[in-house]
Amino acid sequence: MSNQDTIDLNGDGNISKVEEQITEDRFKNRRRMAWMAMVSMTIYTAILLTPIIETTRIKALENILDMFYIAMASIVGAYMGFATWARKK
């Protein structure tokens, strides 16, 4: 399946402006999701490093915090991997 086949959504052999816009919006939304995951990890880390949050609370939520970072890093990693894969295809 070529890149043109993936963009040509209705299979008529012509890529219309609407099909280009749909494909562009899809990649734009994925990029935004990856950026928001990266920003949320940064902000969350900054909040945890301030004296506002007590150390005992951080230790109590340690497992949840680990899962949060793993989930957000997976979103960023998946976006980077699939974007690179799609570019090479």
Protein backbone atom coordinates (compact mmCIF):
# COMPACT_ATOMS: atom_id res chain seq x y z
CA MET A 1 0.00 0.00 0.00
CA SER A 2 1.55 3.28 -1.10
CA ASN A 3 1.34 6.64 0.60
CA GLN A 4 -1.16 7.78 -2.03
CA ASP A 5 -3.42 4.82 -1.22
CA THR A 6 -3.54 5.81 2.44
CA ILE A 7 -4.40 9.43 1.61
CA ASP A 8 -6.98 8.51 -1.07
CA LEU A 9 -9.81 7.72 1.36
CA ASN A 10 -12.60 7.05 -1.14
CA GLY A 11 -10.40 5.04 -3.54
CA ASP A 12 -11.23 7.01 -6.69
CA GLY A 13 -7.57 7.50 -7.64
CA ASN A 14 -7.64 11.26 -7.05
CA ILE A 15 -6.58 12.98 -3.86
CA SER A 16 -8.94 15.84 -3.14
CA LYS A 17 -8.29 18.83 -0.89
CA VAL A 18 -10.68 17.36 1.69
CA GLU A 19 -8.71 14.09 1.81
CA GLU A 20 -5.45 16.01 2.17
CA GLN A 21 -6.96 18.09 4.98
CA ILE A 22 -8.24 15.00 6.81
CA THR A 23 -4.81 13.37 6.63
CA GLU A 24 -3.06 16.56 7.71
CA ASP A 25 -5.47 17.03 10.65
CA ARG A 26 -4.89 13.44 11.76
CA PHE A 27 -1.13 13.95 11.98
CA LYS A 28 -1.58 17.39 13.56
CA ASN A 29 -3.76 15.92 16.32
CA ARG A 30 -1.25 13.14 16.98
CA ARG A 31 1.54 15.70 17.22
CA ARG A 32 -0.52 17.79 19.67
CA MET A 33 -1.20 14.73 21.80
CA ALA A 34 2.51 13.93 21.99
CA TRP A 35 3.37 17.53 22.88
CA MET A 36 0.70 17.64 25.58
CA ALA A 37 2.07 14.41 27.07
CA MET A 38 5.56 15.90 27.10
CA VAL A 39 4.36 19.18 28.63
CA SER A 40 2.28 17.38 31.27
CA MET A 41 5.31 15.33 32.35
CA THR A 42 7.40 18.49 32.63
CA ILE A 43 4.78 20.44 34.59
CA TYR A 44 4.03 17.48 36.84
CA THR A 45 7.72 17.06 37.62
CA ALA A 46 8.10 20.78 38.35
CA ILE A 47 5.14 20.67 40.74
CA LEU A 48 6.56 17.62 42.51
CA LEU A 49 9.89 19.37 43.02
CA THR A 50 8.34 22.39 44.70
CA PRO A 51 7.90 22.49 48.47
CA ILE A 52 4.10 22.60 47.99
CA ILE A 53 3.90 18.79 47.86
CA GLU A 54 5.05 16.94 50.94
CA THR A 55 7.54 14.10 50.63
CA THR A 56 5.24 11.69 52.43
CA ARG A 57 2.53 12.31 49.86
CA ILE A 58 4.94 11.67 47.01
CA LYS A 59 6.02 8.38 48.59
CA ALA A 60 2.38 7.35 49.04
CA LEU A 61 1.59 8.05 45.39
CA GLU A 62 4.81 6.55 44.04
CA ASN A 63 3.13 3.71 42.10
CA ILE A 64 0.61 6.04 40.47
CA LEU A 65 3.36 8.49 39.55
CA ASP A 66 5.37 5.69 37.94
CA MET A 67 2.40 4.65 35.82
CA PHE A 68 1.75 8.24 34.80
CA TYR A 69 5.32 8.71 33.55
CA ILE A 70 5.29 5.36 31.74
CA ALA A 71 1.98 6.19 30.02
CA MET A 72 3.05 9.67 28.94
CA ALA A 73 6.46 8.50 27.75
CA SER A 74 4.77 5.72 25.75
CA ILE A 75 2.58 8.25 23.97
CA VAL A 76 5.61 10.36 23.05
CA GLY A 77 7.66 7.32 22.01
CA ALA A 78 4.86 5.84 19.94
CA TYR A 79 4.32 9.13 18.13
CA MET A 80 8.02 9.47 17.34
CA GLY A 81 8.31 5.87 16.21
CA PHE A 82 5.21 5.85 14.02
CA ALA A 83 6.01 9.27 12.52
CA THR A 84 9.47 8.05 11.55
CA TRP A 85 8.07 4.81 10.19
CA ALA A 86 5.42 6.65 8.12
CA ARG A 87 8.05 9.04 6.74
CA LYS A 88 10.27 6.18 5.56
CA LYS A 89 7.39 4.28 3.99
